[in-house]
C-alpha atoms as a PDB file:
ATOM      1  CA  UNK A   1      -3.946  -8.027 -10.894  1.00  0.00           C
ATOM      2  CA  UNK A   2      -1.644  -5.085 -10.149  1.00  0.00           C
ATOM      3  CA  UNK A   3      -4.444  -3.163  -8.471  1.00  0.00           C
ATOM      4  CA  UNK A   4      -4.563  -5.806  -5.773  1.00  0.00           C
ATOM      5  CA  UNK A   5      -0.776  -5.984  -5.568  1.00  0.00           C
ATOM      6  CA  UNK A   6      -0.778  -2.304  -4.695  1.00  0.00           C
ATOM      7  CA  UNK A   7      -3.588  -3.011  -2.268  1.00  0.00           C
ATOM      8  CA  UNK A   8      -1.320  -5.454  -0.483  1.00  0.00           C
ATOM      9  CA  UNK A   9       1.383  -2.985  -0.514  1.00  0.00           C
ATOM     10  CA  UNK A  10      -1.282  -1.190   0.714  1.00  0.00           C
ATOM     11  CA  UNK A  11      -1.230  -2.346   4.226  1.00  0.00           C
ATOM     12  CA  UNK A  12       0.949  -0.636   6.586  1.00  0.00           C
ATOM     13  CA  UNK A  13       0.041   4.119   9.237  1.00  0.00           C
ATOM     14  CA  UNK A  14      -3.402   6.648  12.209  1.00  0.00           C
ATOM     15  CA  UNK A  15      -1.694   8.868  14.606  1.00  0.00           C
ATOM     16  CA  UNK A  16       1.895   9.592  15.628  1.00  0.00           C
ATOM     17  CA  UNK A  17       3.301   8.272  18.893  1.00  0.00           C
ATOM     18  CA  UNK A  18       6.004  10.537  20.306  1.00  0.00           C
ATOM     19  CA  UNK A  19       7.599   7.529  22.010  1.00  0.00           C
ATOM     20  CA  UNK A  20       8.065   5.766  18.675  1.00  0.00           C
ATOM     21  CA  UNK A  21      10.261   7.089  15.825  1.00  0.00           C
ATOM     22  CA  UNK A  22       8.494   7.940  12.580  1.00  0.00           C
ATOM     23  CA  UNK A  23       8.751   5.015  10.184  1.00  0.00           C
ATOM     24  CA  UNK A  24       9.470   7.043   7.020  1.00  0.00           C
ATOM     25  CA  UNK A  25      10.347  10.426   5.542  1.00  0.00           C
ATOM     26  CA  UNK A  26      10.685  12.096   2.152  1.00  0.00           C
ATOM     27  CA  UNK A  27      13.238  10.399  -0.073  1.00  0.00           C
ATOM     28  CA  UNK A  28      12.231   6.830   0.810  1.00  0.00           C
ATOM     29  CA  UNK A  29      12.005   4.548  -2.249  1.00  0.00           C
ATOM     30  CA  UNK A  30      11.194   0.856  -2.701  1.00  0.00           C
ATOM     31  CA  UNK A  31      11.267  -1.505  -5.673  1.00  0.00           C
ATOM     32  CA  UNK A  32       9.507  -4.873  -5.634  1.00  0.00           C
ATOM     33  CA  UNK A  33       9.989  -7.798  -7.983  1.00  0.00           C
ATOM     34  CA  UNK A  34       6.722  -9.577  -8.755  1.00  0.00           C
ATOM     35  CA  UNK A  35       6.550 -13.294  -9.523  1.00  0.00           C
ATOM     36  CA  UNK A  36       3.575 -15.151 -10.974  1.00  0.00           C
ATOM     37  CA  UNK A  37       4.452 -18.750 -10.183  1.00  0.00           C
ATOM     38  CA  UNK A  38       8.008 -19.166 -11.509  1.00  0.00           C
ATOM     39  CA  UNK A  39       7.677 -16.272 -13.956  1.00  0.00           C
ATOM     40  CA  UNK A  40       9.166 -12.831 -13.344  1.00  0.00           C
ATOM     41  CA  UNK A  41       5.938 -10.972 -14.065  1.00  0.00           C
ATOM     42  CA  UNK A  42       6.815  -7.355 -13.333  1.00  0.00           C
ATOM     43  CA  UNK A  43       7.892  -4.695 -10.873  1.00  0.00           C
ATOM     44  CA  UNK A  44       6.317  -2.184  -8.528  1.00  0.00           C
ATOM     45  CA  UNK A  45       7.877   0.951  -7.041  1.00  0.00           C
ATOM     46  CA  UNK A  46       6.802   3.144  -4.171  1.00  0.00           C
ATOM     47  CA  UNK A  47       8.368   6.474  -3.207  1.00  0.00           C
ATOM     48  CA  UNK A  48       7.560   9.489  -1.081  1.00  0.00           C
ATOM     49  CA  UNK A  49       8.397  13.126  -1.789  1.00  0.00           C
ATOM     50  CA  UNK A  50       7.626  16.590  -0.428  1.00  0.00           C
ATOM     51  CA  UNK A  51       4.843  18.667  -1.969  1.00  0.00           C
ATOM     52  CA  UNK A  52       2.564  21.617  -1.154  1.00  0.00           C
ATOM     53  CA  UNK A  53      -1.237  21.551  -1.030  1.00  0.00           C
ATOM     54  CA  UNK A  54      -3.384  24.489   0.093  1.00  0.00           C
ATOM     55  CA  UNK A  55      -0.254  26.307   1.226  1.00  0.00           C
ATOM     56  CA  UNK A  56       0.805  23.415   3.498  1.00  0.00           C
ATOM     57  CA  UNK A  57       3.794  21.126   3.171  1.00  0.00           C
ATOM     58  CA  UNK A  58       2.533  17.585   2.613  1.00  0.00           C
ATOM     59  CA  UNK A  59       3.825  14.181   1.601  1.00  0.00           C
ATOM     60  CA  UNK A  60       3.406  13.035  -1.998  1.00  0.00           C
ATOM     61  CA  UNK A  61       3.500   9.246  -2.320  1.00  0.00           C
ATOM     62  CA  UNK A  62       3.724   7.613  -5.752  1.00  0.00           C
ATOM     63  CA  UNK A  63       3.150   3.939  -6.483  1.00  0.00           C
ATOM     64  CA  UNK A  64       3.735   2.407  -9.918  1.00  0.00           C
ATOM     65  CA  UNK A  65       3.274  -1.147 -11.185  1.00  0.00           C
ATOM     66  CA  UNK A  66       4.055  -2.669 -14.562  1.00  0.00           C
ATOM     67  CA  UNK A  67       4.471  -6.047 -16.222  1.00  0.00           C
ATOM     68  CA  UNK A  68       7.595  -7.050 -18.162  1.00  0.00           C
ATOM     69  CA  UNK A  69       8.667  -9.622 -20.758  1.00  0.00           C
ATOM     70  CA  UNK A  70       6.171 -12.265 -21.855  1.00  0.00           C
ATOM     71  CA  UNK A  71       3.849 -11.300 -19.001  1.00  0.00           C
ATOM     72  CA  UNK A  72       3.396  -7.937 -20.692  1.00  0.00           C
ATOM     73  CA  UNK A  73       2.519  -9.691 -23.944  1.00  0.00           C
ATOM     74  CA  UNK A  74      -0.227 -11.741 -22.272  1.00  0.00           C
ATOM     75  CA  UNK A  75      -1.415  -9.182 -19.712  1.00  0.00           C
ATOM     76  CA  UNK A  76      -0.154  -5.621 -20.024  1.00  0.00           C
ATOM     77  CA  UNK A  77      -0.224  -3.595 -16.793  1.00  0.00           C
ATOM     78  CA  UNK A  78       0.706   0.058 -16.367  1.00  0.00           C
ATOM     79  CA  UNK A  79      -0.612   1.424 -13.064  1.00  0.00           C
ATOM     80  CA  UNK A  80      -0.037   4.723 -11.328  1.00  0.00           C
ATOM     81  CA  UNK A  81      -1.343   5.459  -7.835  1.00  0.00           C
ATOM     82  CA  UNK A  82      -0.594   8.690  -5.982  1.00  0.00           C
ATOM     83  CA  UNK A  83      -1.598  10.301  -2.707  1.00  0.00           C
ATOM     84  CA  UNK A  84      -1.048  13.718  -1.145  1.00  0.00           C
ATOM     85  CA  UNK A  85      -1.479  13.529   2.629  1.00  0.00           C
ATOM     86  CA  UNK A  86      -0.836  15.644   5.720  1.00  0.00           C
ATOM     87  CA  UNK A  87       2.541  15.277   7.419  1.00  0.00           C
ATOM     88  CA  UNK A  88       1.026  15.399  10.914  1.00  0.00           C
ATOM     89  CA  UNK A  89      -2.464  13.909  10.736  1.00  0.00           C
ATOM     90  CA  UNK A  90      -1.871  11.618   7.715  1.00  0.00           C
ATOM     91  CA  UNK A  91      -5.261  12.721   6.324  1.00  0.00           C
ATOM     92  CA  UNK A  92      -5.259  12.607   2.513  1.00  0.00           C
ATOM     93  CA  UNK A  93      -5.916  15.743   0.477  1.00  0.00           C
ATOM     94  CA  UNK A  94      -5.882  14.197  -2.985  1.00  0.00           C
ATOM     95  CA  UNK A  95      -5.336  10.899  -4.765  1.00  0.00           C
ATOM     96  CA  UNK A  96      -4.615   9.856  -8.334  1.00  0.00           C
ATOM     97  CA  UNK A  97      -5.546   6.534  -9.884  1.00  0.00           C
ATOM     98  CA  UNK A  98      -4.492   6.025 -13.495  1.00  0.00           C
ATOM     99  CA  UNK A  99      -4.396   2.360 -14.480  1.00  0.00           C
ATOM    100  CA  UNK A 100      -4.335   0.072 -17.495  1.00  0.00           C
ATOM    101  CA  UNK A 101      -4.750  -3.601 -16.631  1.00  0.00           C
ATOM    102  CA  UNK A 102      -5.176  -5.800 -19.676  1.00  0.00           C
ATOM    103  CA  UNK A 103      -7.342  -3.148 -21.330  1.00  0.00           C
ATOM    104  CA  UNK A 104      -9.292  -2.286 -18.169  1.00  0.00           C
ATOM    105  CA  UNK A 105      -8.573   1.387 -17.608  1.00  0.00           C
ATOM    106  CA  UNK A 106      -9.328   4.097 -15.070  1.00  0.00           C
ATOM    107  CA  UNK A 107      -8.228   7.717 -14.943  1.00  0.00           C
ATOM    108  CA  UNK A 108      -9.444   9.411 -11.769  1.00  0.00           C
ATOM    109  CA  UNK A 109      -8.533  11.993  -9.188  1.00  0.00           C
ATOM    110  CA  UNK A 110     -10.104  12.354  -5.780  1.00  0.00           C
ATOM    111  CA  UNK A 111     -10.180  15.542  -3.719  1.00  0.00           C
ATOM    112  CA  UNK A 112     -10.951  15.201  -0.010  1.00  0.00           C
ATOM    113  CA  UNK A 113     -12.783  17.748   2.100  1.00  0.00           C
ATOM    114  CA  UNK A 114     -11.986  16.277   5.485  1.00  0.00           C
ATOM    115  CA  UNK A 115     -13.851  19.034   7.355  1.00  0.00           C
ATOM    116  CA  UNK A 116     -17.125  18.045   5.673  1.00  0.00           C
ATOM    117  CA  UNK A 117     -16.344  14.331   5.252  1.00  0.00           C
ATOM    118  CA  UNK A 118     -16.689  14.468   1.468  1.00  0.00           C
ATOM    119  CA  UNK A 119     -14.584  13.397  -1.485  1.00  0.00           C
ATOM    120  CA  UNK A 120     -15.021  14.727  -5.024  1.00  0.00           C
ATOM    121  CA  UNK A 121     -14.137  12.192  -7.725  1.00  0.00           C
ATOM    122  CA  UNK A 122     -13.191  13.510 -11.149  1.00  0.00           C
ATOM    123  CA  UNK A 123     -13.389  10.728 -13.728  1.00  0.00           C
ATOM    124  CA  UNK A 124     -11.413  11.885 -16.760  1.00  0.00           C
ATOM    125  CA  UNK A 125     -12.162   8.753 -18.792  1.00  0.00           C
ATOM    126  CA  UNK A 126     -15.934   9.133 -18.520  1.00  0.00           C
ATOM    127  CA  UNK A 127     -15.833  12.937 -18.120  1.00  0.00           C
ATOM    128  CA  UNK A 128     -17.888  12.921 -14.933  1.00  0.00           C
ATOM    129  CA  UNK A 129     -17.683  14.389 -11.441  1.00  0.00           C
ATOM    130  CA  UNK A 130     -19.366  12.963  -8.372  1.00  0.00           C
ATOM    131  CA  UNK A 131     -19.221  13.684  -4.633  1.00  0.00           C
ATOM    132  CA  UNK A 132     -19.300  10.929  -2.018  1.00  0.00           C
ATOM    133  CA  UNK A 133     -19.796  11.028   1.738  1.00  0.00           C
ATOM    134  CA  UNK A 134     -16.915   9.478   3.698  1.00  0.00           C
ATOM    135  CA  UNK A 135     -16.174   8.694   7.313  1.00  0.00           C
ATOM    136  CA  UNK A 136     -14.003  10.848   9.544  1.00  0.00           C
ATOM    137  CA  UNK A 137     -10.259  10.224   9.138  1.00  0.00           C
ATOM    138  CA  UNK A 138     -10.809   8.118   6.015  1.00  0.00           C
ATOM    139  CA  UNK A 139      -7.711   7.110   4.043  1.00  0.00           C
ATOM    140  CA  UNK A 140      -7.117   6.410   0.365  1.00  0.00           C
ATOM    141  CA  UNK A 141      -5.387   3.260  -0.859  1.00  0.00           C
ATOM    142  CA  UNK A 142      -1.836   4.674  -0.812  1.00  0.00           C
ATOM    143  CA  UNK A 143      -2.098   6.837   2.316  1.00  0.00           C
ATOM    144  CA  UNK A 144      -3.312   3.733   4.185  1.00  0.00           C
ATOM    145  CA  UNK A 145       0.108   2.154   3.719  1.00  0.00           C
ATOM    146  CA  UNK A 146       1.859   5.039   5.456  1.00  0.00           C
ATOM    147  CA  UNK A 147      -0.933   5.472   7.993  1.00  0.00           C
ATOM    148  CA  UNK A 148      -0.440   1.913   9.250  1.00  0.00           C
ATOM    149  CA  UNK A 149       3.357   2.051   9.421  1.00  0.00           C
ATOM    150  CA  UNK A 150       3.172   4.766  12.097  1.00  0.00           C
ATOM    151  CA  UNK A 151       0.238   3.246  13.943  1.00  0.00           C
ATOM    152  CA  UNK A 152       0.964   3.441  17.701  1.00  0.00           C
ATOM    153  CA  UNK A 153      -0.348  -0.077  18.296  1.00  0.00           C
ATOM    154  CA  UNK A 154       1.424  -1.949  15.518  1.00  0.00           C
ATOM    155  CA  UNK A 155       4.192  -3.204  17.831  1.00  0.00           C
ATOM    156  CA  UNK A 156       1.736  -4.054  20.603  1.00  0.00           C
ATOM    157  CA  UNK A 157      -0.530  -6.436  18.712  1.00  0.00           C
ATOM    158  CA  UNK A 158      -1.007  -9.968  19.960  1.00  0.00           C
ATOM    159  CA  UNK A 159      -1.410 -12.878  17.563  1.00  0.00           C
ATOM    160  CA  UNK A 160      -4.936 -12.833  16.155  1.00  0.00           C
ATOM    161  CA  UNK A 161      -5.537  -9.128  16.858  1.00  0.00           C
ATOM    162  CA  UNK A 162      -6.223  -6.653  14.051  1.00  0.00           C
ATOM    163  CA  UNK A 163      -5.984  -2.996  13.075  1.00  0.00           C
ATOM    164  CA  UNK A 164      -8.965  -1.618  11.158  1.00  0.00           C
ATOM    165  CA  UNK A 165      -8.831   1.422   8.851  1.00  0.00           C
ATOM    166  CA  UNK A 166     -11.617   3.153   6.925  1.00  0.00           C
ATOM    167  CA  UNK A 167     -10.394   3.260   3.312  1.00  0.00           C
ATOM    168  CA  UNK A 168     -12.038   4.880   0.293  1.00  0.00           C
ATOM    169  CA  UNK A 169     -11.652   2.758  -2.838  1.00  0.00           C
ATOM    170  CA  UNK A 170     -13.776   2.243  -5.965  1.00  0.00           C
ATOM    171  CA  UNK A 171     -16.331   4.878  -4.894  1.00  0.00           C
ATOM    172  CA  UNK A 172     -17.020   3.463  -1.453  1.00  0.00           C
ATOM    173  CA  UNK A 173     -15.664   3.328   2.080  1.00  0.00           C
ATOM    174  CA  UNK A 174     -14.860  -0.104   3.451  1.00  0.00           C
ATOM    175  CA  UNK A 175     -13.153  -1.473   6.530  1.00  0.00           C
ATOM    176  CA  UNK A 176      -9.601  -2.460   5.655  1.00  0.00           C
ATOM    177  CA  UNK A 177      -8.621  -5.028   8.289  1.00  0.00           C
ATOM    178  CA  UNK A 178      -5.022  -6.064   8.958  1.00  0.00           C
ATOM    179  CA  UNK A 179      -4.671  -9.191  11.104  1.00  0.00           C
ATOM    180  CA  UNK A 180      -1.424  -9.959  12.978  1.00  0.00           C
ATOM    181  CA  UNK A 181      -0.270 -13.569  12.448  1.00  0.00           C
ATOM    182  CA  UNK A 182       3.075 -13.713  14.236  1.00  0.00           C
ATOM    183  CA  UNK A 183       6.822 -13.160  13.821  1.00  0.00           C
ATOM    184  CA  UNK A 184       9.439 -14.891  11.684  1.00  0.00           C
ATOM    185  CA  UNK A 185      13.047 -14.490  10.538  1.00  0.00           C
ATOM    186  CA  UNK A 186      12.806 -14.084   6.759  1.00  0.00           C
ATOM    187  CA  UNK A 187      15.604 -14.741   4.262  1.00  0.00           C
ATOM    188  CA  UNK A 188      15.835 -11.921   1.720  1.00  0.00           C
ATOM    189  CA  UNK A 189      18.378 -10.825  -0.902  1.00  0.00           C
ATOM    190  CA  UNK A 190      19.698  -8.388   1.718  1.00  0.00           C
ATOM    191  CA  UNK A 191      20.154 -10.984   4.460  1.00  0.00           C
ATOM    192  CA  UNK A 192      17.933 -12.457   7.178  1.00  0.00           C
ATOM    193  CA  UNK A 193      15.516  -9.971   8.705  1.00  0.00           C
ATOM    194  CA  UNK A 194      13.179 -10.248  11.712  1.00  0.00           C
ATOM    195  CA  UNK A 195       9.641  -9.702  10.457  1.00  0.00           C
ATOM    196  CA  UNK A 196       6.065  -9.287  11.580  1.00  0.00           C
ATOM    197  CA  UNK A 197       3.509 -11.257   9.547  1.00  0.00           C
ATOM    198  CA  UNK A 198       0.121  -9.779   8.693  1.00  0.00           C
ATOM    199  CA  UNK A 199      -2.879 -10.960   6.758  1.00  0.00           C
ATOM    200  CA  UNK A 200      -5.105  -8.319   5.147  1.00  0.00           C
ATOM    201  CA  UNK A 201      -8.742  -9.394   4.962  1.00  0.00           C
ATOM    202  CA  UNK A 202      -9.821  -9.139   1.318  1.00  0.00           C
ATOM    203  CA  UNK A 203     -12.954  -9.865  -0.670  1.00  0.00           C
ATOM    204  CA  UNK A 204     -13.048 -13.472  -1.875  1.00  0.00           C
ATOM    205  CA  UNK A 205     -14.361 -14.701  -5.182  1.00  0.00           C
ATOM    206  CA  UNK A 206     -13.410 -12.630  -8.238  1.00  0.00           C
ATOM    207  CA  UNK A 207      -9.629 -12.423  -7.689  1.00  0.00           C
ATOM    208  CA  UNK A 208      -8.678 -14.071  -4.411  1.00  0.00           C
ATOM    209  CA  UNK A 209      -9.503 -17.603  -3.316  1.00  0.00           C
ATOM    210  CA  UNK A 210     -10.475 -16.661   0.235  1.00  0.00           C
ATOM    211  CA  UNK A 211     -10.785 -13.632   2.495  1.00  0.00           C
ATOM    212  CA  UNK A 212      -7.385 -14.444   4.017  1.00  0.00           C
ATOM    213  CA  UNK A 213      -5.529 -15.204   0.775  1.00  0.00           C
ATOM    214  CA  UNK A 214      -2.923 -12.454   1.277  1.00  0.00           C
ATOM    215  CA  UNK A 215       0.105 -12.639   3.571  1.00  0.00           C
ATOM    216  CA  UNK A 216       2.528  -9.775   4.192  1.00  0.00           C
ATOM    217  CA  UNK A 217       5.929  -9.773   5.899  1.00  0.00           C
ATOM    218  CA  UNK A 218       7.146  -6.383   7.215  1.00  0.00           C
ATOM    219  CA  UNK A 219      10.439  -5.586   8.900  1.00  0.00           C
ATOM    220  CA  UNK A 220      10.228  -5.825  12.684  1.00  0.00           C
ATOM    221  CA  UNK A 221      12.142  -2.581  13.208  1.00  0.00           C
ATOM    222  CA  UNK A 222      11.321   1.128  13.222  1.00  0.00           C
ATOM    223  CA  UNK A 223      10.936   1.257   9.413  1.00  0.00           C
ATOM    224  CA  UNK A 224       8.097  -1.271   9.093  1.00  0.00           C
ATOM    225  CA  UNK A 225       8.889  -1.854   5.414  1.00  0.00           C
ATOM    226  CA  UNK A 226       7.242  -4.622   3.367  1.00  0.00           C
ATOM    227  CA  UNK A 227       9.721  -7.371   2.521  1.00  0.00           C
ATOM    228  CA  UNK A 228       7.450  -9.993   0.979  1.00  0.00           C
ATOM    229  CA  UNK A 229       3.834 -10.267  -0.156  1.00  0.00           C
ATOM    230  CA  UNK A 230       2.145 -13.512  -1.190  1.00  0.00           C
ATOM    231  CA  UNK A 231      -1.349 -14.034  -2.547  1.00  0.00           C
ATOM    232  CA  UNK A 232      -3.370 -17.065  -3.567  1.00  0.00           C
ATOM    233  CA  UNK A 233      -5.421 -15.991  -6.574  1.00  0.00           C
ATOM    234  CA  UNK A 234      -8.465 -17.593  -8.138  1.00  0.00           C
ATOM    235  CA  UNK A 235      -5.962 -18.886 -10.709  1.00  0.00           C
ATOM    236  CA  UNK A 236      -2.396 -19.444  -9.493  1.00  0.00           C
ATOM    237  CA  UNK A 237      -0.438 -17.401  -6.963  1.00  0.00           C
ATOM    238  CA  UNK A 238       1.602 -14.228  -6.930  1.00  0.00           C
ATOM    239  CA  UNK A 239       4.577 -13.135  -4.836  1.00  0.00           C
ATOM    240  CA  UNK A 240       6.366  -9.791  -4.492  1.00  0.00           C
ATOM    241  CA  UNK A 241       9.801  -9.459  -2.882  1.00  0.00           C
ATOM    242  CA  UNK A 242      11.636  -6.265  -1.979  1.00  0.00           C
ATOM    243  CA  UNK A 243      14.276  -5.885  -4.688  1.00  0.00           C
ATOM    244  CA  UNK A 244      15.788  -2.493  -3.843  1.00  0.00           C
ATOM    245  CA  UNK A 245      15.453   0.438  -1.475  1.00  0.00           C
ATOM    246  CA  UNK A 246      16.981   3.776  -0.483  1.00  0.00           C
ATOM    247  CA  UNK A 247      16.307   6.695   1.832  1.00  0.00           C
ATOM    248  CA  UNK A 248      15.153   4.714   4.891  1.00  0.00           C
ATOM    249  CA  UNK A 249      14.446   6.884   7.928  1.00  0.00           C
ATOM    250  CA  UNK A 250      15.854   4.319  10.386  1.00  0.00           C
ATOM    251  CA  UNK A 251      18.522   1.580  10.348  1.00  0.00           C
ATOM    252  CA  UNK A 252      17.435  -1.591   8.530  1.00  0.00           C
ATOM    253  CA  UNK A 253      17.740  -4.417  11.070  1.00  0.00           C
ATOM    254  CA  UNK A 254      19.050  -7.255   8.926  1.00  0.00           C
ATOM    255  CA  UNK A 255      21.692  -9.939   9.485  1.00  0.00           C
ATOM    256  CA  UNK A 256      24.087 -10.228   6.570  1.00  0.00           C
ATOM    257  CA  UNK A 257      24.228 -13.539   4.729  1.00  0.00           C
END
């Protein structure tokens, strides 16, 4: 379940537009409260730090998700997703995926060779290594989030239009499509915020009811931060609300209660 929650969170950065302020910087941190129906099921955090890869200063993004209380008793989740990506091009250098979802586990690292359009996957659980061909400018699951937030066209989309990103996930490249639905003033714990509403196109069947089962509300300001995520699952529904934040690059445009 948490894998797909991160995937939602997963939706929001391609090239930089000098006319538009950058949406984020090192030190940004989010915490999301996750509800399964009326139950407080868990939390997810997402933060970005500075790091060095191949002698270059890069961003290091870390996403964690975990269940709490009775939800942990019935379905224990401890997920860790990380990405190291270029500060200018947003191209990922490395990703980490270490998850435990109700006994389903993965422990992998991916190393991108963007010059040759390859990614080397080291699977520590199964003690294997395998190289995959990828498309040019491919993103991983976490870097996609930041890639979309700085996308030069995100503020220019008309209702029904989409942004498409090549994303590498589960040993394959697929087209991650983010469809713009409209705008809405959303009531949050921080006040009422103007938002843009998006719908990621996901695979229906195993987890989600339909291809358009996810809905995401992001702040309609220069930060482009996720404020709410809702998903209709094959069984029940799940919702994540922003519960805390710090280190925003730009002013948070919210009307106090």
